Amino acid sequence: QVQLVEFGGGLVQPGGSLRLSCAASGFTLGYYAMSWFRQAPGKEREGVSCINTRDGSTDYADSVKGRFTISRDNAKNTVYLQMNSLKPEDTAVYYCAVHRGSYCSGFDPYEYHYWGQGTQVTVSS
């Protein structure tokens, strides 16, 4: 049974940092591209970052470039999102997702077939 569990969310002040983790079970994470999405209240889900499995290349939404870093540890079946210089507009529920293939291009939600339950990130003073 495929399962994705995110953790590491919480309340942080503007300018602070958080590291999200997504632990996968029931499949070999190393075969698939992985992404992080987020959804703020009243807004559509948006792609944040993606990491490919072939060459480890990454992609980021413009809003988080230079502040967020995605990484993966295939041996631990885990993907991470390091978030620095957090802003109030980063407040959202963050989800990890498994791409249907090994390479992600863009953040079309229909290209992802497994999703975690989400973890809340709140940036506020």
PDB file of N, CA and C in Angstrom:
ATOM      1  N   GLN A   1       0.841  -1.185   0.000  1.00  0.00           N
ATOM      2  CA  GLN A   1       0.000   0.000   0.000  1.00  0.00           C
ATOM      3  C   GLN A   1       0.885   1.248   0.000  1.00  0.00           C
ATOM      4  N   VAL A   2       0.667   2.112  -0.977  1.00  0.00           N
ATOM      5  CA  VAL A   2       1.443   3.338  -1.089  1.00  0.00           C
ATOM      6  C   VAL A   2       1.025   4.327  -0.009  1.00  0.00           C
ATOM      7  N   GLN A   3       2.011   4.875   0.651  1.00  0.00           N
ATOM      8  CA  GLN A   3       1.730   5.861   1.688  1.00  0.00           C
ATOM      9  C   GLN A   3       2.805   6.938   1.659  1.00  0.00           C
ATOM     10  N   LEU A   4       2.365   8.190   1.782  1.00  0.00           N
ATOM     11  CA  LEU A   4       3.269   9.335   1.886  1.00  0.00           C
ATOM     12  C   LEU A   4       2.900  10.084   3.158  1.00  0.00           C
ATOM     13  N   VAL A   5       3.892  10.330   3.975  1.00  0.00           N
ATOM     14  CA  VAL A   5       3.647  11.041   5.230  1.00  0.00           C
ATOM     15  C   VAL A   5       4.571  12.240   5.300  1.00  0.00           C
ATOM     16  N   GLU A   6       3.969  13.428   5.347  1.00  0.00           N
ATOM     17  CA  GLU A   6       4.758  14.651   5.468  1.00  0.00           C
ATOM     18  C   GLU A   6       4.848  15.059   6.930  1.00  0.00           C
ATOM     19  N   PHE A   7       5.970  15.621   7.313  1.00  0.00           N
ATOM     20  CA  PHE A   7       6.100  16.207   8.630  1.00  0.00           C
ATOM     21  C   PHE A   7       7.160  17.299   8.602  1.00  0.00           C
ATOM     22  N   GLY A   8       7.175  18.077   9.659  1.00  0.00           N
ATOM     23  CA  GLY A   8       8.121  19.177   9.741  1.00  0.00           C
ATOM     24  C   GLY A   8       7.485  20.548   9.654  1.00  0.00           C
ATOM     25  N   GLY A   9       6.171  20.603   9.406  1.00  0.00           N
ATOM     26  CA  GLY A   9       5.501  21.882   9.355  1.00  0.00           C
ATOM     27  C   GLY A   9       5.360  22.494  10.736  1.00  0.00           C
ATOM     28  N   GLY A  10       4.863  23.727  10.766  1.00  0.00           N
ATOM     29  CA  GLY A  10       4.668  24.392  12.042  1.00  0.00           C
ATOM     30  C   GLY A  10       4.544  25.880  11.879  1.00  0.00           C
ATOM     31  N   LEU A  11       4.659  26.579  12.993  1.00  0.00           N
ATOM     32  CA  LEU A  11       4.580  28.029  13.020  1.00  0.00           C
ATOM     33  C   LEU A  11       5.989  28.607  13.091  1.00  0.00           C
ATOM     34  N   VAL A  12       6.267  29.547  12.207  1.00  0.00           N
ATOM     35  CA  VAL A  12       7.594  30.163  12.177  1.00  0.00           C
ATOM     36  C   VAL A  12       7.443  31.644  11.892  1.00  0.00           C
ATOM     37  N   GLN A  13       8.360  32.444  12.402  1.00  0.00           N
ATOM     38  CA  GLN A  13       8.327  33.877  12.155  1.00  0.00           C
ATOM     39  C   GLN A  13       8.867  34.203  10.769  1.00  0.00           C
ATOM     40  N   PRO A  14       8.436  35.312  10.196  1.00  0.00           N
ATOM     41  CA  PRO A  14       8.995  35.720   8.898  1.00  0.00           C
ATOM     42  C   PRO A  14      10.516  35.780   8.962  1.00  0.00           C
ATOM     43  N   GLY A  15      11.134  35.275   7.906  1.00  0.00           N
ATOM     44  CA  GLY A  15      12.586  35.199   7.856  1.00  0.00           C
ATOM     45  C   GLY A  15      13.150  33.907   8.401  1.00  0.00           C
ATOM     46  N   GLY A  16      12.301  33.103   9.019  1.00  0.00           N
ATOM     47  CA  GLY A  16      12.745  31.850   9.598  1.00  0.00           C
ATOM     48  C   GLY A  16      12.831  30.721   8.590  1.00  0.00           C
ATOM     49  N   SER A  17      13.154  29.530   9.101  1.00  0.00           N
ATOM     50  CA  SER A  17      13.348  28.355   8.247  1.00  0.00           C
ATOM     51  C   SER A  17      12.585  27.159   8.797  1.00  0.00           C
ATOM     52  N   LEU A  18      12.217  26.289   7.880  1.00  0.00           N
ATOM     53  CA  LEU A  18      11.633  24.989   8.216  1.00  0.00           C
ATOM     54  C   LEU A  18      12.142  23.968   7.219  1.00  0.00           C
ATOM     55  N   ARG A  19      12.181  22.720   7.658  1.00  0.00           N
ATOM     56  CA  ARG A  19      12.541  21.633   6.757  1.00  0.00           C
ATOM     57  C   ARG A  19      11.423  20.608   6.773  1.00  0.00           C
ATOM     58  N   LEU A  20      10.788  20.445   5.637  1.00  0.00           N
ATOM     59  CA  LEU A  20       9.730  19.452   5.502  1.00  0.00           C
ATOM     60  C   LEU A  20      10.326  18.131   5.021  1.00  0.00           C
ATOM     61  N   SER A  21       9.757  17.052   5.516  1.00  0.00           N
ATOM     62  CA  SER A  21      10.141  15.717   5.063  1.00  0.00           C
ATOM     63  C   SER A  21       8.904  14.981   4.569  1.00  0.00           C
ATOM     64  N   CYS A  22       9.117  14.122   3.606  1.00  0.00           N
ATOM     65  CA  CYS A  22       8.043  13.285   3.081  1.00  0.00           C
ATOM     66  C   CYS A  22       8.581  11.857   3.018  1.00  0.00           C
ATOM     67  N   ALA A  23       8.088  11.029   3.909  1.00  0.00           N
ATOM     68  CA  ALA A  23       8.529   9.642   3.967  1.00  0.00           C
ATOM     69  C   ALA A  23       7.575   8.769   3.171  1.00  0.00           C
ATOM     70  N   ALA A  24       8.135   7.996   2.254  1.00  0.00           N
ATOM     71  CA  ALA A  24       7.322   7.155   1.384  1.00  0.00           C
ATOM     72  C   ALA A  24       7.440   5.694   1.781  1.00  0.00           C
ATOM     73  N   SER A  25       6.360   4.973   1.604  1.00  0.00           N
ATOM     74  CA  SER A  25       6.382   3.535   1.831  1.00  0.00           C
ATOM     75  C   SER A  25       5.458   2.874   0.814  1.00  0.00           C
ATOM     76  N   GLY A  26       5.712   1.598   0.567  1.00  0.00           N
ATOM     77  CA  GLY A  26       4.876   0.864  -0.369  1.00  0.00           C
ATOM     78  C   GLY A  26       5.329   0.935  -1.808  1.00  0.00           C
ATOM     79  N   PHE A  27       6.392   1.695  -2.084  1.00  0.00           N
ATOM     80  CA  PHE A  27       6.946   1.764  -3.422  1.00  0.00           C
ATOM     81  C   PHE A  27       8.375   2.283  -3.315  1.00  0.00           C
ATOM     82  N   THR A  28       9.125   2.187  -4.397  1.00  0.00           N
ATOM     83  CA  THR A  28      10.509   2.654  -4.418  1.00  0.00           C
ATOM     84  C   THR A  28      10.528   4.077  -4.950  1.00  0.00           C
ATOM     85  N   LEU A  29      10.768   5.004  -4.030  1.00  0.00           N
ATOM     86  CA  LEU A  29      10.723   6.420  -4.382  1.00  0.00           C
ATOM     87  C   LEU A  29      11.723   6.768  -5.484  1.00  0.00           C
ATOM     88  N   GLY A  30      12.833   6.062  -5.528  1.00  0.00           N
ATOM     89  CA  GLY A  30      13.898   6.378  -6.469  1.00  0.00           C
ATOM     90  C   GLY A  30      13.517   6.212  -7.933  1.00  0.00           C
ATOM     91  N   TYR A  31      12.403   5.570  -8.227  1.00  0.00           N
ATOM     92  CA  TYR A  31      11.981   5.367  -9.605  1.00  0.00           C
ATOM     93  C   TYR A  31      11.174   6.543 -10.160  1.00  0.00           C
ATOM     94  N   TYR A  32      10.790   7.461  -9.296  1.00  0.00           N
ATOM     95  CA  TYR A  32       9.835   8.481  -9.696  1.00  0.00           C
ATOM     96  C   TYR A  32      10.335   9.890  -9.381  1.00  0.00           C
ATOM     97  N   ALA A  33       9.928  10.835 -10.225  1.00  0.00           N
ATOM     98  CA  ALA A  33      10.105  12.241  -9.879  1.00  0.00           C
ATOM     99  C   ALA A  33       9.159  12.568  -8.732  1.00  0.00           C
ATOM    100  N   MET A  34       9.574  13.510  -7.901  1.00  0.00           N
ATOM    101  CA  MET A  34       8.789  13.889  -6.725  1.00  0.00           C
ATOM    102  C   MET A  34       8.642  15.403  -6.694  1.00  0.00           C
ATOM    103  N   SER A  35       7.511  15.852  -6.183  1.00  0.00           N
ATOM    104  CA  SER A  35       7.267  17.284  -6.097  1.00  0.00           C
ATOM    105  C   SER A  35       6.637  17.657  -4.768  1.00  0.00           C
ATOM    106  N   TRP A  36       6.765  18.925  -4.467  1.00  0.00           N
ATOM    107  CA  TRP A  36       6.025  19.545  -3.379  1.00  0.00           C
ATOM    108  C   TRP A  36       5.034  20.539  -3.980  1.00  0.00           C
ATOM    109  N   PHE A  37       3.825  20.498  -3.475  1.00  0.00           N
ATOM    110  CA  PHE A  37       2.788  21.456  -3.816  1.00  0.00           C
ATOM    111  C   PHE A  37       2.354  22.146  -2.527  1.00  0.00           C
ATOM    112  N   ARG A  38       1.620  23.239  -2.668  1.00  0.00           N
ATOM    113  CA  ARG A  38       1.039  23.880  -1.502  1.00  0.00           C
ATOM    114  C   ARG A  38      -0.316  24.471  -1.868  1.00  0.00           C
ATOM    115  N   GLN A  39      -1.135  24.628  -0.856  1.00  0.00           N
ATOM    116  CA  GLN A  39      -2.450  25.218  -1.062  1.00  0.00           C
ATOM    117  C   GLN A  39      -2.774  26.132   0.113  1.00  0.00           C
ATOM    118  N   ALA A  40      -2.937  27.404  -0.199  1.00  0.00           N
ATOM    119  CA  ALA A  40      -3.314  28.393   0.803  1.00  0.00           C
ATOM    120  C   ALA A  40      -4.837  28.506   0.845  1.00  0.00           C
ATOM    121  N   PRO A  41      -5.385  28.969   1.952  1.00  0.00           N
ATOM    122  CA  PRO A  41      -6.845  29.098   2.057  1.00  0.00           C
ATOM    123  C   PRO A  41      -7.414  29.955   0.930  1.00  0.00           C
ATOM    124  N   GLY A  42      -8.431  29.430   0.270  1.00  0.00           N
ATOM    125  CA  GLY A  42      -9.096  30.169  -0.787  1.00  0.00           C
ATOM    126  C   GLY A  42      -8.349  30.221  -2.094  1.00  0.00           C
ATOM    127  N   LYS A  43      -7.231  29.498  -2.187  1.00  0.00           N
ATOM    128  CA  LYS A  43      -6.436  29.501  -3.412  1.00  0.00           C
ATOM    129  C   LYS A  43      -6.308  28.095  -3.975  1.00  0.00           C
ATOM    130  N   GLU A  44      -5.964  28.026  -5.248  1.00  0.00           N
ATOM    131  CA  GLU A  44      -5.756  26.728  -5.880  1.00  0.00           C
ATOM    132  C   GLU A  44      -4.408  26.137  -5.443  1.00  0.00           C
ATOM    133  N   ARG A  45      -4.328  24.817  -5.541  1.00  0.00           N
ATOM    134  CA  ARG A  45      -3.068  24.157  -5.256  1.00  0.00           C
ATOM    135  C   ARG A  45      -2.037  24.564  -6.299  1.00  0.00           C
ATOM    136  N   GLU A  46      -0.829  24.852  -5.857  1.00  0.00           N
ATOM    137  CA  GLU A  46       0.225  25.265  -6.776  1.00  0.00           C
ATOM    138  C   GLU A  46       1.486  24.447  -6.553  1.00  0.00           C
ATOM    139  N   GLY A  47       2.210  24.228  -7.631  1.00  0.00           N
ATOM    140  CA  GLY A  47       3.470  23.525  -7.534  1.00  0.00           C
ATOM    141  C   GLY A  47       4.549  24.409  -6.953  1.00  0.00           C
ATOM    142  N   VAL A  48       5.367  23.829  -6.114  1.00  0.00           N
ATOM    143  CA  VAL A  48       6.448  24.566  -5.450  1.00  0.00           C
ATOM    144  C   VAL A  48       7.803  24.139  -5.992  1.00  0.00           C
ATOM    145  N   SER A  49       8.032  22.830  -6.024  1.00  0.00           N
ATOM    146  CA  SER A  49       9.337  22.344  -6.434  1.00  0.00           C
ATOM    147  C   SER A  49       9.229  20.907  -6.886  1.00  0.00           C
ATOM    148  N   CYS A  50      10.144  20.518  -7.778  1.00  0.00           N
ATOM    149  CA  CYS A  50      10.166  19.168  -8.312  1.00  0.00           C
ATOM    150  C   CYS A  50      11.611  18.691  -8.393  1.00  0.00           C
ATOM    151  N   ILE A  51      11.821  17.399  -8.177  1.00  0.00           N
ATOM    152  CA  ILE A  51      13.141  16.818  -8.337  1.00  0.00           C
ATOM    153  C   ILE A  51      13.023  15.550  -9.161  1.00  0.00           C
ATOM    154  N   ASN A  52      13.847  15.464 -10.203  1.00  0.00           N
ATOM    155  CA  ASN A  52      13.819  14.315 -11.089  1.00  0.00           C
ATOM    156  C   ASN A  52      14.676  13.190 -10.544  1.00  0.00           C
ATOM    157  N   THR A  53      14.386  11.993 -11.046  1.00  0.00           N
ATOM    158  CA  THR A  53      15.127  10.845 -10.549  1.00  0.00           C
ATOM    159  C   THR A  53      16.292  10.489 -11.436  1.00  0.00           C
ATOM    160  N   ARG A  54      16.251  10.902 -12.699  1.00  0.00           N
ATOM    161  CA  ARG A  54      17.312  10.515 -13.619  1.00  0.00           C
ATOM    162  C   ARG A  54      18.633  11.190 -13.280  1.00  0.00           C
ATOM    163  N   ASP A  55      18.585  12.506 -13.140  1.00  0.00           N
ATOM    164  CA  ASP A  55      19.817  13.249 -12.928  1.00  0.00           C
ATOM    165  C   ASP A  55      19.783  14.135 -11.690  1.00  0.00           C
ATOM    166  N   GLY A  56      18.682  14.059 -10.929  1.00  0.00           N
ATOM    167  CA  GLY A  56      18.560  14.877  -9.731  1.00  0.00           C
ATOM    168  C   GLY A  56      18.298  16.337 -10.014  1.00  0.00           C
ATOM    169  N   SER A  57      18.003  16.672 -11.260  1.00  0.00           N
ATOM    170  CA  SER A  57      17.733  18.072 -11.586  1.00  0.00           C
ATOM    171  C   SER A  57      16.458  18.526 -10.898  1.00  0.00           C
ATOM    172  N   THR A  58      16.383  19.820 -10.677  1.00  0.00           N
ATOM    173  CA  THR A  58      15.276  20.384  -9.902  1.00  0.00           C
ATOM    174  C   THR A  58      14.616  21.544 -10.633  1.00  0.00           C
ATOM    175  N   ASP A  59      13.422  21.858 -10.205  1.00  0.00           N
ATOM    176  CA  ASP A  59      12.677  22.985 -10.752  1.00  0.00           C
ATOM    177  C   ASP A  59      11.925  23.637  -9.599  1.00  0.00           C
ATOM    178  N   TYR A  60      11.760  24.945  -9.694  1.00  0.00           N
ATOM    179  CA  TYR A  60      11.111  25.684  -8.627  1.00  0.00           C
ATOM    180  C   TYR A  60      10.129  26.698  -9.193  1.00  0.00           C
ATOM    181  N   ALA A  61       9.082  26.951  -8.431  1.00  0.00           N
ATOM    182  CA  ALA A  61       8.205  28.064  -8.759  1.00  0.00           C
ATOM    183  C   ALA A  61       8.984  29.363  -8.562  1.00  0.00           C
ATOM    184  N   ASP A  62       8.677  30.355  -9.368  1.00  0.00           N
ATOM    185  CA  ASP A  62       9.401  31.625  -9.269  1.00  0.00           C
ATOM    186  C   ASP A  62       9.311  32.224  -7.867  1.00  0.00           C
ATOM    187  N   SER A  63       8.208  32.003  -7.211  1.00  0.00           N
ATOM    188  CA  SER A  63       7.979  32.615  -5.906  1.00  0.00           C
ATOM    189  C   SER A  63       8.893  32.068  -4.808  1.00  0.00           C
ATOM    190  N   VAL A  64       9.517  30.919  -5.064  1.00  0.00           N
ATOM    191  CA  VAL A  64      10.358  30.315  -4.014  1.00  0.00           C
ATOM    192  C   VAL A  64      11.806  30.139  -4.445  1.00  0.00           C
ATOM    193  N   LYS A  65      12.130  30.489  -5.671  1.00  0.00           N
ATOM    194  CA  LYS A  65      13.508  30.332  -6.158  1.00  0.00           C
ATOM    195  C   LYS A  65      14.483  31.116  -5.297  1.00  0.00           C
ATOM    196  N   GLY A  66      15.581  30.463  -4.960  1.00  0.00           N
ATOM    197  CA  GLY A  66      16.594  31.096  -4.131  1.00  0.00           C
ATOM    198  C   GLY A  66      16.326  30.976  -2.642  1.00  0.00           C
ATOM    199  N   ARG A  67      15.124  30.525  -2.273  1.00  0.00           N
ATOM    200  CA  ARG A  67      14.787  30.378  -0.854  1.00  0.00           C
ATOM    201  C   ARG A  67      14.528  28.925  -0.457  1.00  0.00           C
ATOM    202  N   PHE A  68      13.963  28.154  -1.356  1.00  0.00           N
ATOM    203  CA  PHE A  68      13.625  26.754  -1.073  1.00  0.00           C
ATOM    204  C   PHE A  68      14.588  25.826  -1.814  1.00  0.00           C
ATOM    205  N   THR A  69      14.856  24.674  -1.207  1.00  0.00           N
ATOM    206  CA  THR A  69      15.698  23.656  -1.824  1.00  0.00           C
ATOM    207  C   THR A  69      15.068  22.288  -1.636  1.00  0.00           C
ATOM    208  N   ILE A  70      14.845  21.601  -2.736  1.00  0.00           N
ATOM    209  CA  ILE A  70      14.307  20.246  -2.680  1.00  0.00           C
ATOM    210  C   ILE A  70      15.463  19.255  -2.794  1.00  0.00           C
ATOM    211  N   SER A  71      15.352  18.151  -2.082  1.00  0.00           N
ATOM    212  CA  SER A  71      16.373  17.104  -2.162  1.00  0.00           C
ATOM    213  C   SER A  71      15.703  15.759  -1.888  1.00  0.00           C
ATOM    214  N   ARG A  72      16.439  14.709  -2.166  1.00  0.00           N
ATOM    215  CA  ARG A  72      15.888  13.372  -1.953  1.00  0.00           C
ATOM    216  C   ARG A  72      16.969  12.444  -1.441  1.00  0.00           C
ATOM    217  N   ASP A  73      16.560  11.477  -0.635  1.00  0.00           N
ATOM    218  CA  ASP A  73      17.452  10.422  -0.176  1.00  0.00           C
ATOM    219  C   ASP A  73      16.758   9.118  -0.541  1.00  0.00           C
ATOM    220  N   ASN A  74      17.146   8.559  -1.658  1.00  0.00           N
ATOM    221  CA  ASN A  74      16.476   7.357  -2.136  1.00  0.00           C
ATOM    222  C   ASN A  74      16.670   6.176  -1.184  1.00  0.00           C
ATOM    223  N   ALA A  75      17.800   6.141  -0.506  1.00  0.00           N
ATOM    224  CA  ALA A  75      18.049   5.044   0.439  1.00  0.00           C
ATOM    225  C   ALA A  75      17.063   5.085   1.606  1.00  0.00           C
ATOM    226  N   LYS A  76      16.627   6.300   1.957  1.00  0.00           N
ATOM    227  CA  LYS A  76      15.665   6.457   3.041  1.00  0.00           C
ATOM    228  C   LYS A  76      14.240   6.592   2.521  1.00  0.00           C
ATOM    229  N   ASN A  77      14.103   6.543   1.193  1.00  0.00           N
ATOM    230  CA  ASN A  77      12.765   6.695   0.583  1.00  0.00           C
ATOM    231  C   ASN A  77      12.091   7.981   1.054  1.00  0.00           C
ATOM    232  N   THR A  78      12.863   9.062   1.073  1.00  0.00           N
ATOM    233  CA  THR A  78      12.381  10.320   1.629  1.00  0.00           C
ATOM    234  C   THR A  78      12.783  11.478   0.726  1.00  0.00           C
ATOM    235  N   VAL A  79      11.880  12.446   0.618  1.00  0.00           N
ATOM    236  CA  VAL A  79      12.166  13.683  -0.094  1.00  0.00           C
ATOM    237  C   VAL A  79      11.996  14.834   0.900  1.00  0.00           C
ATOM    238  N   TYR A  80      12.802  15.878   0.716  1.00  0.00           N
ATOM    239  CA  TYR A  80      12.829  16.985   1.651  1.00  0.00           C
ATOM    240  C   TYR A  80      12.557  18.309   0.940  1.00  0.00           C
ATOM    241  N   LEU A  81      12.130  19.266   1.730  1.00  0.00           N
ATOM    242  CA  LEU A  81      12.016  20.644   1.238  1.00  0.00           C
ATOM    243  C   LEU A  81      12.554  21.563   2.327  1.00  0.00           C
ATOM    244  N   GLN A  82      13.731  22.125   2.073  1.00  0.00           N
ATOM    245  CA  GLN A  82      14.314  23.104   2.982  1.00  0.00           C
ATOM    246  C   GLN A  82      13.789  24.479   2.592  1.00  0.00           C
ATOM    247  N   MET A  83      13.156  25.149   3.536  1.00  0.00           N
ATOM    248  CA  MET A  83      12.540  26.448   3.264  1.00  0.00           C
ATOM    249  C   MET A  83      13.209  27.512   4.133  1.00  0.00           C
ATOM    250  N   ASN A  84      13.849  28.447   3.492  1.00  0.00           N
ATOM    251  CA  ASN A  84      14.535  29.536   4.181  1.00  0.00           C
ATOM    252  C   ASN A  84      13.884  30.872   3.834  1.00  0.00           C
ATOM    253  N   SER A  85      14.192  31.879   4.637  1.00  0.00           N
ATOM    254  CA  SER A  85      13.672  33.237   4.400  1.00  0.00           C
ATOM    255  C   SER A  85      12.170  33.210   4.174  1.00  0.00           C
ATOM    256  N   LEU A  86      11.483  32.532   5.046  1.00  0.00           N
ATOM    257  CA  LEU A  86      10.043  32.350   4.867  1.00  0.00           C
ATOM    258  C   LEU A  86       9.293  33.668   4.986  1.00  0.00           C
ATOM    259  N   LYS A  87       8.232  33.758   4.198  1.00  0.00           N
ATOM    260  CA  LYS A  87       7.399  34.946   4.145  1.00  0.00           C
ATOM    261  C   LYS A  87       5.963  34.580   4.528  1.00  0.00           C
ATOM    262  N   PRO A  88       5.183  35.542   4.999  1.00  0.00           N
ATOM    263  CA  PRO A  88       3.781  35.231   5.325  1.00  0.00           C
ATOM    264  C   PRO A  88       3.022  34.601   4.148  1.00  0.00           C
ATOM    265  N   GLU A  89       3.359  34.982   2.935  1.00  0.00           N
ATOM    266  CA  GLU A  89       2.674  34.414   1.771  1.00  0.00           C
ATOM    267  C   GLU A  89       3.054  32.959   1.492  1.00  0.00           C
ATOM    268  N   ASP A  90       4.018  32.436   2.243  1.00  0.00           N
ATOM    269  CA  ASP A  90       4.328  31.008   2.131  1.00  0.00           C
ATOM    270  C   ASP A  90       3.394  30.160   2.981  1.00  0.00           C
ATOM    271  N   THR A  91       2.553  30.800   3.768  1.00  0.00           N
ATOM    272  CA  THR A  91       1.610  30.070   4.606  1.00  0.00           C
ATOM    273  C   THR A  91       0.670  29.241   3.751  1.00  0.00           C
ATOM    274  N   ALA A  92       0.618  27.942   4.032  1.00  0.00           N
ATOM    275  CA  ALA A  92      -0.192  27.020   3.245  1.00  0.00           C
ATOM    276  C   ALA A  92      -0.060  25.623   3.830  1.00  0.00           C
ATOM    277  N   VAL A  93      -0.887  24.720   3.330  1.00  0.00           N
ATOM    278  CA  VAL A  93      -0.679  23.296   3.576  1.00  0.00           C
ATOM    279  C   VAL A  93       0.221  22.786   2.458  1.00  0.00           C
ATOM    280  N   TYR A  94       1.268  22.119   2.842  1.00  0.00           N
ATOM    281  CA  TYR A  94       2.252  21.611   1.884  1.00  0.00           C
ATOM    282  C   TYR A  94       2.069  20.105   1.709  1.00  0.00           C
ATOM    283  N   TYR A  95       2.061  19.688   0.444  1.00  0.00           N
ATOM    284  CA  TYR A  95       1.853  18.287   0.087  1.00  0.00           C
ATOM    285  C   TYR A  95       3.025  17.773  -0.740  1.00  0.00           C
ATOM    286  N   CYS A  96       3.428  16.553  -0.489  1.00  0.00           N
ATOM    287  CA  CYS A  96       4.352  15.922  -1.427  1.00  0.00           C
ATOM    288  C   CYS A  96       3.541  15.017  -2.356  1.00  0.00           C
ATOM    289  N   ALA A  97       4.085  14.807  -3.536  1.00  0.00           N
ATOM    290  CA  ALA A  97       3.360  14.054  -4.548  1.00  0.00           C
ATOM    291  C   ALA A  97       4.327  13.247  -5.406  1.00  0.00           C
ATOM    292  N   VAL A  98       3.865  12.095  -5.844  1.00  0.00           N
ATOM    293  CA  VAL A  98       4.655  11.189  -6.665  1.00  0.00           C
ATOM    294  C   VAL A  98       4.239  11.339  -8.128  1.00  0.00           C
ATOM    295  N   HIS A  99       5.211  11.694  -8.958  1.00  0.00           N
ATOM    296  CA  HIS A  99       4.937  11.826 -10.392  1.00  0.00           C
ATOM    297  C   HIS A  99       4.716  10.447 -11.005  1.00  0.00           C
ATOM    298  N   ARG A 100       3.995  10.408 -12.092  1.00  0.00           N
ATOM    299  CA  ARG A 100       3.724   9.132 -12.770  1.00  0.00           C
ATOM    300  C   ARG A 100       4.965   8.598 -13.477  1.00  0.00           C
ATOM    301  N   GLY A 101       5.954   9.442 -13.705  1.00  0.00           N
ATOM    302  CA  GLY A 101       7.171   9.018 -14.378  1.00  0.00           C
ATOM    303  C   GLY A 101       8.407   9.475 -13.638  1.00  0.00           C
ATOM    304  N   SER A 102       9.526   9.412 -14.328  1.00  0.00           N
ATOM    305  CA  SER A 102      10.808   9.724 -13.708  1.00  0.00           C
ATOM    306  C   SER A 102      11.254  11.162 -13.924  1.00  0.00           C
ATOM    307  N   TYR A 103      10.472  11.892 -14.740  1.00  0.00           N
ATOM    308  CA  TYR A 103      10.881  13.256 -15.062  1.00  0.00           C
ATOM    309  C   TYR A 103       9.671  14.169 -14.975  1.00  0.00           C
ATOM    310  N   CYS A 104       9.822  15.255 -14.254  1.00  0.00           N
ATOM    311  CA  CYS A 104       8.730  16.204 -14.127  1.00  0.00           C
ATOM    312  C   CYS A 104       9.060  17.479 -14.886  1.00  0.00           C
ATOM    313  N   SER A 105       8.078  17.998 -15.571  1.00  0.00           N
ATOM    314  CA  SER A 105       8.219  19.247 -16.290  1.00  0.00           C
ATOM    315  C   SER A 105       6.973  20.067 -16.029  1.00  0.00           C
ATOM    316  N   GLY A 106       7.098  21.092 -15.253  1.00  0.00           N
ATOM    317  CA  GLY A 106       5.923  21.831 -14.855  1.00  0.00           C
ATOM    318  C   GLY A 106       5.264  21.175 -13.662  1.00  0.00           C
ATOM    319  N   PHE A 107       4.107  21.684 -13.289  1.00  0.00           N
ATOM    320  CA  PHE A 107       3.432  21.203 -12.081  1.00  0.00           C
ATOM    321  C   PHE A 107       1.960  20.905 -12.360  1.00  0.00           C
ATOM    322  N   ASP A 108       1.712  20.102 -13.377  1.00  0.00           N
ATOM    323  CA  ASP A 108       0.345  19.693 -13.666  1.00  0.00           C
ATOM    324  C   ASP A 108      -0.086  18.636 -12.661  1.00  0.00           C
ATOM    325  N   PRO A 109      -1.049  18.941 -11.791  1.00  0.00           N
ATOM    326  CA  PRO A 109      -1.440  17.959 -10.755  1.00  0.00           C
ATOM    327  C   PRO A 109      -1.880  16.616 -11.334  1.00  0.00           C
ATOM    328  N   TYR A 110      -2.376  16.606 -12.561  1.00  0.00           N
ATOM    329  CA  TYR A 110      -2.860  15.357 -13.152  1.00  0.00           C
ATOM    330  C   TYR A 110      -1.717  14.411 -13.517  1.00  0.00           C
ATOM    331  N   GLU A 111      -0.488  14.911 -13.470  1.00  0.00           N
ATOM    332  CA  GLU A 111       0.661  14.057 -13.741  1.00  0.00           C
ATOM    333  C   GLU A 111       1.144  13.335 -12.478  1.00  0.00           C
ATOM    334  N   TYR A 112       0.443  13.541 -11.374  1.00  0.00           N
ATOM    335  CA  TYR A 112       0.860  12.937 -10.113  1.00  0.00           C
ATOM    336  C   TYR A 112      -0.216  11.950  -9.653  1.00  0.00           C
ATOM    337  N   HIS A 113       0.202  10.782  -9.197  1.00  0.00           N
ATOM    338  CA  HIS A 113      -0.796   9.780  -8.854  1.00  0.00           C
ATOM    339  C   HIS A 113      -0.863   9.429  -7.387  1.00  0.00           C
ATOM    340  N   TYR A 114       0.045   9.890  -6.587  1.00  0.00           N
ATOM    341  CA  TYR A 114      -0.060   9.689  -5.148  1.00  0.00           C
ATOM    342  C   TYR A 114       0.260  11.002  -4.436  1.00  0.00           C
ATOM    343  N   TRP A 115      -0.515  11.241  -3.372  1.00  0.00           N
ATOM    344  CA  TRP A 115      -0.368  12.474  -2.607  1.00  0.00           C
ATOM    345  C   TRP A 115      -0.326  12.174  -1.116  1.00  0.00           C
ATOM    346  N   GLY A 116       0.434  12.983  -0.400  1.00  0.00           N
ATOM    347  CA  GLY A 116       0.412  12.887   1.041  1.00  0.00           C
ATOM    348  C   GLY A 116      -0.789  13.617   1.613  1.00  0.00           C
ATOM    349  N   GLN A 117      -0.909  13.597   2.920  1.00  0.00           N
ATOM    350  CA  GLN A 117      -2.064  14.201   3.579  1.00  0.00           C
ATOM    351  C   GLN A 117      -1.849  15.685   3.860  1.00  0.00           C
ATOM    352  N   GLY A 118      -0.615  16.135   3.730  1.00  0.00           N
ATOM    353  CA  GLY A 118      -0.305  17.552   3.906  1.00  0.00           C
ATOM    354  C   GLY A 118       0.179  17.891   5.303  1.00  0.00           C
ATOM    355  N   THR A 119       0.977  18.948   5.368  1.00  0.00           N
ATOM    356  CA  THR A 119       1.448  19.472   6.649  1.00  0.00           C
ATOM    357  C   THR A 119       1.324  21.000   6.602  1.00  0.00           C
ATOM    358  N   GLN A 120       0.835  21.569   7.679  1.00  0.00           N
ATOM    359  CA  GLN A 120       0.574  23.001   7.725  1.00  0.00           C
ATOM    360  C   GLN A 120       1.842  23.783   8.014  1.00  0.00           C
ATOM    361  N   VAL A 121       2.065  24.802   7.206  1.00  0.00           N
ATOM    362  CA  VAL A 121       3.143  25.764   7.447  1.00  0.00           C
ATOM    363  C   VAL A 121       2.506  27.139   7.623  1.00  0.00           C
ATOM    364  N   THR A 122       2.787  27.760   8.746  1.00  0.00           N
ATOM    365  CA  THR A 122       2.254  29.088   9.036  1.00  0.00           C
ATOM    366  C   THR A 122       3.406  30.032   9.320  1.00  0.00           C
ATOM    367  N   VAL A 123       3.481  31.102   8.552  1.00  0.00           N
ATOM    368  CA  VAL A 123       4.533  32.102   8.727  1.00  0.00           C
ATOM    369  C   VAL A 123       3.875  33.368   9.244  1.00  0.00           C
ATOM    370  N   SER A 124       4.155  33.683  10.495  1.00  0.00           N
ATOM    371  CA  SER A 124       3.496  34.816  11.131  1.00  0.00           C
ATOM    372  C   SER A 124       4.307  35.287  12.320  1.00  0.00           C
ATOM    373  N   SER A 125       4.238  36.588  12.560  1.00  0.00           N
ATOM    374  CA  SER A 125       4.903  37.130  13.734  1.00  0.00           C
ATOM    375  C   SER A 125       3.937  37.219  14.904  1.00  0.00           C
TER     376      SER A 125
END
